[in-house]
Each structure stands twice: as C-alpha cells, then as structure tokens.
Amino acid sequence: MDERREHLLENKFFECHCRRCSDPTELGTYTGALICPKCQTGLVLCDHPLDPDSPWSCNNMSGSCPGYRIPARSMKLLIQR
C-alpha cells in the first residue's frame, strides 16, 4: 500500500487520502496484505494506512495470533526485497 502512495507522490505530486488508500484492506482487494508467517491463516495488514510509521498486524480473529505485529520499518525492508 505504501508503494502506491509513494508512486502517486513521486510521479503525480500529491498525497492520496482516498477511500482505498485509507482502508487497510484496500477496499477488499487485499493487494498489500501478506499471509501471516505465524498462523498461516490470517493476513498481515497495516493498522493505519495513512501513517507511514504504522505497524502491521495479523487480522486472524481465532486468537492464534494475539498481538502479532510487524514494525513499519521491517515491512518496508521486506517489501523492498
């Protein structure tokens, strides 16, 4: 999700705050989501998509991943690879 907003800022010269960029699920597309490495059933999503320093956490509601979080900096490194 950050890549989309960075692209818009660098190439179109504006910070996007649309519904898609504001929604952790990207309006249900889950384009930026990752499968949780801990439970393998939940999705890791950004907690606050408009905040580039926001952590990402697993959305698994079954309780097998309580509190699983990835710092924003680690996610950025992971996405760059």
PDB file of N, CA and C in Angstrom:
ATOM      1  N   MET A   1       0.829  -1.185   0.000  1.00  0.00           N
ATOM      2  CA  MET A   1       0.000   0.000   0.000  1.00  0.00           C
ATOM      3  C   MET A   1       0.873   1.247   0.000  1.00  0.00           C
ATOM      4  N   ASP A   2       1.928   1.232   0.772  1.00  0.00           N
ATOM      5  CA  ASP A   2       2.824   2.386   0.775  1.00  0.00           C
ATOM      6  C   ASP A   2       3.402   2.648  -0.604  1.00  0.00           C
ATOM      7  N   GLU A   3       3.667   1.591  -1.357  1.00  0.00           N
ATOM      8  CA  GLU A   3       4.240   1.772  -2.691  1.00  0.00           C
ATOM      9  C   GLU A   3       3.300   2.569  -3.590  1.00  0.00           C
ATOM     10  N   ARG A   4       2.014   2.294  -3.495  1.00  0.00           N
ATOM     11  CA  ARG A   4       1.033   3.026  -4.308  1.00  0.00           C
ATOM     12  C   ARG A   4       1.059   4.500  -3.951  1.00  0.00           C
ATOM     13  N   ARG A   5       1.050   4.812  -2.664  1.00  0.00           N
ATOM     14  CA  ARG A   5       1.040   6.204  -2.231  1.00  0.00           C
ATOM     15  C   ARG A   5       2.361   6.892  -2.568  1.00  0.00           C
ATOM     16  N   GLU A   6       3.472   6.177  -2.438  1.00  0.00           N
ATOM     17  CA  GLU A   6       4.774   6.754  -2.801  1.00  0.00           C
ATOM     18  C   GLU A   6       4.830   7.048  -4.299  1.00  0.00           C
ATOM     19  N   HIS A   7       4.299   6.138  -5.102  1.00  0.00           N
ATOM     20  CA  HIS A   7       4.275   6.345  -6.558  1.00  0.00           C
ATOM     21  C   HIS A   7       3.470   7.597  -6.898  1.00  0.00           C
ATOM     22  N   LEU A   8       2.319   7.750  -6.288  1.00  0.00           N
ATOM     23  CA  LEU A   8       1.484   8.916  -6.553  1.00  0.00           C
ATOM     24  C   LEU A   8       2.186  10.210  -6.136  1.00  0.00           C
ATOM     25  N   LEU A   9       2.863  10.166  -5.000  1.00  0.00           N
ATOM     26  CA  LEU A   9       3.559  11.362  -4.529  1.00  0.00           C
ATOM     27  C   LEU A   9       4.728  11.723  -5.442  1.00  0.00           C
ATOM     28  N   GLU A  10       5.524  10.732  -5.827  1.00  0.00           N
ATOM     29  CA  GLU A  10       6.705  10.994  -6.651  1.00  0.00           C
ATOM     30  C   GLU A  10       6.370  11.330  -8.103  1.00  0.00           C
ATOM     31  N   ASN A  11       5.320  10.729  -8.636  1.00  0.00           N
ATOM     32  CA  ASN A  11       5.023  10.903 -10.054  1.00  0.00           C
ATOM     33  C   ASN A  11       3.849  11.823 -10.357  1.00  0.00           C
ATOM     34  N   LYS A  12       2.937  11.952  -9.418  1.00  0.00           N
ATOM     35  CA  LYS A  12       1.752  12.794  -9.643  1.00  0.00           C
ATOM     36  C   LYS A  12       1.728  13.992  -8.692  1.00  0.00           C
ATOM     37  N   PHE A  13       2.669  14.018  -7.756  1.00  0.00           N
ATOM     38  CA  PHE A  13       2.895  15.152  -6.853  1.00  0.00           C
ATOM     39  C   PHE A  13       1.730  15.443  -5.900  1.00  0.00           C
ATOM     40  N   PHE A  14       1.089  14.385  -5.390  1.00  0.00           N
ATOM     41  CA  PHE A  14       0.084  14.592  -4.352  1.00  0.00           C
ATOM     42  C   PHE A  14       0.032  13.382  -3.423  1.00  0.00           C
ATOM     43  N   GLU A  15      -0.358  13.641  -2.176  1.00  0.00           N
ATOM     44  CA  GLU A  15      -0.567  12.577  -1.203  1.00  0.00           C
ATOM     45  C   GLU A  15      -2.019  12.153  -1.274  1.00  0.00           C
ATOM     46  N   CYS A  16      -2.229  10.904  -1.565  1.00  0.00           N
ATOM     47  CA  CYS A  16      -3.588  10.402  -1.727  1.00  0.00           C
ATOM     48  C   CYS A  16      -4.187  10.028  -0.369  1.00  0.00           C
ATOM     49  N   HIS A  17      -5.417  10.452  -0.150  1.00  0.00           N
ATOM     50  CA  HIS A  17      -6.154  10.122   1.070  1.00  0.00           C
ATOM     51  C   HIS A  17      -7.518   9.539   0.704  1.00  0.00           C
ATOM     52  N   CYS A  18      -7.599   8.892  -0.448  1.00  0.00           N
ATOM     53  CA  CYS A  18      -8.869   8.349  -0.920  1.00  0.00           C
ATOM     54  C   CYS A  18      -9.310   7.175  -0.044  1.00  0.00           C
ATOM     55  N   ARG A  19     -10.506   6.675  -0.301  1.00  0.00           N
ATOM     56  CA  ARG A  19     -11.045   5.561   0.478  1.00  0.00           C
ATOM     57  C   ARG A  19     -10.159   4.332   0.375  1.00  0.00           C
ATOM     58  N   ARG A  20      -9.634   4.053  -0.815  1.00  0.00           N
ATOM     59  CA  ARG A  20      -8.786   2.870  -0.990  1.00  0.00           C
ATOM     60  C   ARG A  20      -7.500   2.990  -0.179  1.00  0.00           C
ATOM     61  N   CYS A  21      -6.849   4.138  -0.259  1.00  0.00           N
ATOM     62  CA  CYS A  21      -5.596   4.336   0.477  1.00  0.00           C
ATOM     63  C   CYS A  21      -5.822   4.384   1.989  1.00  0.00           C
ATOM     64  N   SER A  22      -7.015   4.764   2.415  1.00  0.00           N
ATOM     65  CA  SER A  22      -7.337   4.873   3.839  1.00  0.00           C
ATOM     66  C   SER A  22      -7.760   3.544   4.453  1.00  0.00           C
ATOM     67  N   ASP A  23      -8.130   2.587   3.631  1.00  0.00           N
ATOM     68  CA  ASP A  23      -8.662   1.302   4.100  1.00  0.00           C
ATOM     69  C   ASP A  23      -7.548   0.253   4.156  1.00  0.00           C
ATOM     70  N   PRO A  24      -7.332  -0.398   5.309  1.00  0.00           N
ATOM     71  CA  PRO A  24      -6.290  -1.430   5.409  1.00  0.00           C
ATOM     72  C   PRO A  24      -6.462  -2.573   4.409  1.00  0.00           C
ATOM     73  N   THR A  25      -7.707  -2.858   4.005  1.00  0.00           N
ATOM     74  CA  THR A  25      -7.948  -3.941   3.050  1.00  0.00           C
ATOM     75  C   THR A  25      -7.931  -3.453   1.608  1.00  0.00           C
ATOM     76  N   GLU A  26      -7.710  -2.161   1.409  1.00  0.00           N
ATOM     77  CA  GLU A  26      -7.719  -1.537   0.081  1.00  0.00           C
ATOM     78  C   GLU A  26      -9.036  -1.846  -0.640  1.00  0.00           C
ATOM     79  N   LEU A  27     -10.119  -1.542   0.062  1.00  0.00           N
ATOM     80  CA  LEU A  27     -11.496  -1.752  -0.420  1.00  0.00           C
ATOM     81  C   LEU A  27     -11.765  -3.217  -0.754  1.00  0.00           C
ATOM     82  N   GLY A  28     -11.226  -4.095   0.086  1.00  0.00           N
ATOM     83  CA  GLY A  28     -11.479  -5.526  -0.073  1.00  0.00           C
ATOM     84  C   GLY A  28     -10.608  -6.241  -1.076  1.00  0.00           C
ATOM     85  N   THR A  29      -9.652  -5.555  -1.686  1.00  0.00           N
ATOM     86  CA  THR A  29      -8.768  -6.207  -2.661  1.00  0.00           C
ATOM     87  C   THR A  29      -7.603  -6.924  -1.980  1.00  0.00           C
ATOM     88  N   TYR A  30      -7.220  -6.485  -0.799  1.00  0.00           N
ATOM     89  CA  TYR A  30      -6.107  -7.069  -0.029  1.00  0.00           C
ATOM     90  C   TYR A  30      -4.811  -7.096  -0.845  1.00  0.00           C
ATOM     91  N   THR A  31      -4.629  -6.126  -1.708  1.00  0.00           N
ATOM     92  CA  THR A  31      -3.467  -6.080  -2.587  1.00  0.00           C
ATOM     93  C   THR A  31      -2.149  -6.044  -1.811  1.00  0.00           C
ATOM     94  N   GLY A  32      -2.085  -5.280  -0.729  1.00  0.00           N
ATOM     95  CA  GLY A  32      -0.848  -5.152   0.025  1.00  0.00           C
ATOM     96  C   GLY A  32      -0.721  -6.115   1.186  1.00  0.00           C
ATOM     97  N   ALA A  33      -1.683  -7.006   1.374  1.00  0.00           N
ATOM     98  CA  ALA A  33      -1.676  -7.928   2.514  1.00  0.00           C
ATOM     99  C   ALA A  33      -0.668  -9.053   2.313  1.00  0.00           C
ATOM    100  N   LEU A  34      -0.178  -9.552   3.427  1.00  0.00           N
ATOM    101  CA  LEU A  34       0.717 -10.707   3.421  1.00  0.00           C
ATOM    102  C   LEU A  34       0.099 -11.807   4.273  1.00  0.00           C
ATOM    103  N   ILE A  35       0.348 -13.055   3.927  1.00  0.00           N
ATOM    104  CA  ILE A  35      -0.111 -14.154   4.771  1.00  0.00           C
ATOM    105  C   ILE A  35       0.733 -14.138   6.038  1.00  0.00           C
ATOM    106  N   CYS A  36       0.079 -14.272   7.177  1.00  0.00           N
ATOM    107  CA  CYS A  36       0.774 -14.211   8.461  1.00  0.00           C
ATOM    108  C   CYS A  36       1.775 -15.362   8.580  1.00  0.00           C
ATOM    109  N   PRO A  37       3.041 -15.053   8.866  1.00  0.00           N
ATOM    110  CA  PRO A  37       4.051 -16.105   8.985  1.00  0.00           C
ATOM    111  C   PRO A  37       3.884 -16.943  10.253  1.00  0.00           C
ATOM    112  N   LYS A  38       3.118 -16.454  11.209  1.00  0.00           N
ATOM    113  CA  LYS A  38       2.944 -17.187  12.467  1.00  0.00           C
ATOM    114  C   LYS A  38       1.808 -18.197  12.387  1.00  0.00           C
ATOM    115  N   CYS A  39       0.614 -17.740  11.967  1.00  0.00           N
ATOM    116  CA  CYS A  39      -0.544 -18.639  11.969  1.00  0.00           C
ATOM    117  C   CYS A  39      -0.862 -19.223  10.602  1.00  0.00           C
ATOM    118  N   GLN A  40      -0.354 -18.612   9.533  1.00  0.00           N
ATOM    119  CA  GLN A  40      -0.569 -19.053   8.153  1.00  0.00           C
ATOM    120  C   GLN A  40      -2.025 -18.966   7.690  1.00  0.00           C
ATOM    121  N   THR A  41      -2.916 -18.409   8.510  1.00  0.00           N
ATOM    122  CA  THR A  41      -4.316 -18.282   8.100  1.00  0.00           C
ATOM    123  C   THR A  41      -4.791 -16.835   8.083  1.00  0.00           C
ATOM    124  N   GLY A  42      -4.189 -15.992   8.895  1.00  0.00           N
ATOM    125  CA  GLY A  42      -4.560 -14.585   8.932  1.00  0.00           C
ATOM    126  C   GLY A  42      -3.785 -13.785   7.908  1.00  0.00           C
ATOM    127  N   LEU A  43      -4.191 -12.554   7.743  1.00  0.00           N
ATOM    128  CA  LEU A  43      -3.499 -11.641   6.835  1.00  0.00           C
ATOM    129  C   LEU A  43      -2.874 -10.512   7.633  1.00  0.00           C
ATOM    130  N   VAL A  44      -1.673 -10.150   7.282  1.00  0.00           N
ATOM    131  CA  VAL A  44      -0.978  -9.044   7.931  1.00  0.00           C
ATOM    132  C   VAL A  44      -1.321  -7.774   7.149  1.00  0.00           C
ATOM    133  N   LEU A  45      -1.949  -6.820   7.854  1.00  0.00           N
ATOM    134  CA  LEU A  45      -2.409  -5.565   7.254  1.00  0.00           C
ATOM    135  C   LEU A  45      -1.877  -4.387   8.044  1.00  0.00           C
ATOM    136  N   CYS A  46      -1.773  -3.261   7.391  1.00  0.00           N
ATOM    137  CA  CYS A  46      -1.333  -2.035   8.053  1.00  0.00           C
ATOM    138  C   CYS A  46      -2.425  -1.548   8.996  1.00  0.00           C
ATOM    139  N   ASP A  47      -2.057  -1.206  10.230  1.00  0.00           N
ATOM    140  CA  ASP A  47      -3.037  -0.749  11.208  1.00  0.00           C
ATOM    141  C   ASP A  47      -3.638   0.603  10.838  1.00  0.00           C
ATOM    142  N   HIS A  48      -2.815   1.524  10.373  1.00  0.00           N
ATOM    143  CA  HIS A  48      -3.262   2.874   9.997  1.00  0.00           C
ATOM    144  C   HIS A  48      -2.595   3.235   8.667  1.00  0.00           C
ATOM    145  N   PRO A  49      -3.223   2.895   7.551  1.00  0.00           N
ATOM    146  CA  PRO A  49      -2.591   3.015   6.229  1.00  0.00           C
ATOM    147  C   PRO A  49      -2.065   4.399   5.851  1.00  0.00           C
ATOM    148  N   LEU A  50      -2.639   5.468   6.375  1.00  0.00           N
ATOM    149  CA  LEU A  50      -2.165   6.798   6.001  1.00  0.00           C
ATOM    150  C   LEU A  50      -0.942   7.239   6.807  1.00  0.00           C
ATOM    151  N   ASP A  51      -0.565   6.451   7.795  1.00  0.00           N
ATOM    152  CA  ASP A  51       0.608   6.745   8.624  1.00  0.00           C
ATOM    153  C   ASP A  51       1.752   5.833   8.192  1.00  0.00           C
ATOM    154  N   PRO A  52       2.803   6.367   7.560  1.00  0.00           N
ATOM    155  CA  PRO A  52       3.897   5.518   7.074  1.00  0.00           C
ATOM    156  C   PRO A  52       4.673   4.808   8.184  1.00  0.00           C
ATOM    157  N   ASP A  53       4.518   5.243   9.430  1.00  0.00           N
ATOM    158  CA  ASP A  53       5.207   4.609  10.544  1.00  0.00           C
ATOM    159  C   ASP A  53       4.310   3.654  11.329  1.00  0.00           C
ATOM    160  N   SER A  54       3.145   3.367  10.797  1.00  0.00           N
ATOM    161  CA  SER A  54       2.195   2.493  11.476  1.00  0.00           C
ATOM    162  C   SER A  54       2.644   1.041  11.390  1.00  0.00           C
ATOM    163  N   PRO A  55       2.511   0.298  12.490  1.00  0.00           N
ATOM    164  CA  PRO A  55       2.836  -1.132  12.443  1.00  0.00           C
ATOM    165  C   PRO A  55       1.788  -1.910  11.652  1.00  0.00           C
ATOM    166  N   TRP A  56       2.126  -3.117  11.305  1.00  0.00           N
ATOM    167  CA  TRP A  56       1.228  -4.028  10.612  1.00  0.00           C
ATOM    168  C   TRP A  56       0.923  -5.172  11.574  1.00  0.00           C
ATOM    169  N   SER A  57      -0.279  -5.700  11.538  1.00  0.00           N
ATOM    170  CA  SER A  57      -0.632  -6.793  12.445  1.00  0.00           C
ATOM    171  C   SER A  57      -1.547  -7.796  11.762  1.00  0.00           C
ATOM    172  N   CYS A  58      -1.588  -8.991  12.338  1.00  0.00           N
ATOM    173  CA  CYS A  58      -2.402 -10.084  11.803  1.00  0.00           C
ATOM    174  C   CYS A  58      -3.871  -9.835  12.134  1.00  0.00           C
ATOM    175  N   ASN A  59      -4.735 -10.107  11.165  1.00  0.00           N
ATOM    176  CA  ASN A  59      -6.165  -9.903  11.373  1.00  0.00           C
ATOM    177  C   ASN A  59      -6.888 -11.188  11.777  1.00  0.00           C
ATOM    178  N   ASN A  60      -6.148 -12.230  12.115  1.00  0.00           N
ATOM    179  CA  ASN A  60      -6.753 -13.511  12.487  1.00  0.00           C
ATOM    180  C   ASN A  60      -7.573 -13.340  13.756  1.00  0.00           C
ATOM    181  N   MET A  61      -8.853 -13.595  13.662  1.00  0.00           N
ATOM    182  CA  MET A  61      -9.751 -13.409  14.795  1.00  0.00           C
ATOM    183  C   MET A  61      -9.897 -14.657  15.659  1.00  0.00           C
ATOM    184  N   SER A  62      -9.288 -15.770  15.263  1.00  0.00           N
ATOM    185  CA  SER A  62      -9.445 -17.009  16.028  1.00  0.00           C
ATOM    186  C   SER A  62      -8.619 -17.012  17.302  1.00  0.00           C
ATOM    187  N   GLY A  63      -7.733 -16.045  17.458  1.00  0.00           N
ATOM    188  CA  GLY A  63      -6.931 -15.963  18.677  1.00  0.00           C
ATOM    189  C   GLY A  63      -5.594 -16.665  18.605  1.00  0.00           C
ATOM    190  N   SER A  64      -5.260 -17.263  17.458  1.00  0.00           N
ATOM    191  CA  SER A  64      -3.980 -17.972  17.367  1.00  0.00           C
ATOM    192  C   SER A  64      -2.795 -17.032  17.179  1.00  0.00           C
ATOM    193  N   CYS A  65      -3.063 -15.761  16.910  1.00  0.00           N
ATOM    194  CA  CYS A  65      -2.012 -14.770  16.694  1.00  0.00           C
ATOM    195  C   CYS A  65      -2.233 -13.514  17.531  1.00  0.00           C
ATOM    196  N   PRO A  66      -2.579 -13.615  18.774  1.00  0.00           N
ATOM    197  CA  PRO A  66      -2.860 -12.377  19.504  1.00  0.00           C
ATOM    198  C   PRO A  66      -1.620 -11.487  19.617  1.00  0.00           C
ATOM    199  N   GLY A  67      -1.786 -10.266  19.181  1.00  0.00           N
ATOM    200  CA  GLY A  67      -0.698  -9.306  19.318  1.00  0.00           C
ATOM    201  C   GLY A  67       0.434  -9.436  18.321  1.00  0.00           C
ATOM    202  N   TYR A  68       0.307 -10.269  17.281  1.00  0.00           N
ATOM    203  CA  TYR A  68       1.386 -10.385  16.304  1.00  0.00           C
ATOM    204  C   TYR A  68       1.468  -9.106  15.499  1.00  0.00           C
ATOM    205  N   ARG A  69       2.620  -8.445  15.564  1.00  0.00           N
ATOM    206  CA  ARG A  69       2.812  -7.173  14.881  1.00  0.00           C
ATOM    207  C   ARG A  69       4.179  -7.134  14.219  1.00  0.00           C
ATOM    208  N   ILE A  70       4.244  -6.381  13.128  1.00  0.00           N
ATOM    209  CA  ILE A  70       5.497  -6.148  12.417  1.00  0.00           C
ATOM    210  C   ILE A  70       5.686  -4.629  12.344  1.00  0.00           C
ATOM    211  N   PRO A  71       6.812  -4.115  12.817  1.00  0.00           N
ATOM    212  CA  PRO A  71       7.044  -2.663  12.730  1.00  0.00           C
ATOM    213  C   PRO A  71       7.080  -2.191  11.270  1.00  0.00           C
ATOM    214  N   ALA A  72       6.701  -0.956  11.061  1.00  0.00           N
ATOM    215  CA  ALA A  72       6.664  -0.379   9.709  1.00  0.00           C
ATOM    216  C   ALA A  72       8.020  -0.490   9.020  1.00  0.00           C
ATOM    217  N   ARG A  73       9.072  -0.251   9.746  1.00  0.00           N
ATOM    218  CA  ARG A  73      10.412  -0.298   9.161  1.00  0.00           C
ATOM    219  C   ARG A  73      10.740  -1.696   8.626  1.00  0.00           C
ATOM    220  N   SER A  74      10.365  -2.728   9.378  1.00  0.00           N
ATOM    221  CA  SER A  74      10.601  -4.105   8.929  1.00  0.00           C
ATOM    222  C   SER A  74       9.772  -4.438   7.705  1.00  0.00           C
ATOM    223  N   MET A  75       8.531  -3.936   7.660  1.00  0.00           N
ATOM    224  CA  MET A  75       7.686  -4.180   6.495  1.00  0.00           C
ATOM    225  C   MET A  75       8.269  -3.512   5.251  1.00  0.00           C
ATOM    226  N   LYS A  76       8.789  -2.312   5.410  1.00  0.00           N
ATOM    227  CA  LYS A  76       9.385  -1.609   4.272  1.00  0.00           C
ATOM    228  C   LYS A  76      10.563  -2.388   3.719  1.00  0.00           C
ATOM    229  N   LEU A  77      11.405  -2.942   4.593  1.00  0.00           N
ATOM    230  CA  LEU A  77      12.538  -3.742   4.147  1.00  0.00           C
ATOM    231  C   LEU A  77      12.073  -5.009   3.461  1.00  0.00           C
ATOM    232  N   LEU A  78      11.048  -5.640   4.003  1.00  0.00           N
ATOM    233  CA  LEU A  78      10.502  -6.853   3.406  1.00  0.00           C
ATOM    234  C   LEU A  78       9.942  -6.592   2.015  1.00  0.00           C
ATOM    235  N   ILE A  79       9.213  -5.507   1.861  1.00  0.00           N
ATOM    236  CA  ILE A  79       8.614  -5.169   0.568  1.00  0.00           C
ATOM    237  C   ILE A  79       9.696  -4.804  -0.454  1.00  0.00           C
ATOM    238  N   GLN A  80      10.768  -4.150  -0.019  1.00  0.00           N
ATOM    239  CA  GLN A  80      11.844  -3.786  -0.932  1.00  0.00           C
ATOM    240  C   GLN A  80      12.559  -5.008  -1.489  1.00  0.00           C
ATOM    241  N   ARG A  81      12.605  -6.075  -0.703  1.00  0.00           N
ATOM    242  CA  ARG A  81      13.263  -7.310  -1.159  1.00  0.00           C
ATOM    243  C   ARG A  81      12.390  -7.983  -2.149  1.00  0.00           C
TER     244      ARG A  81
END
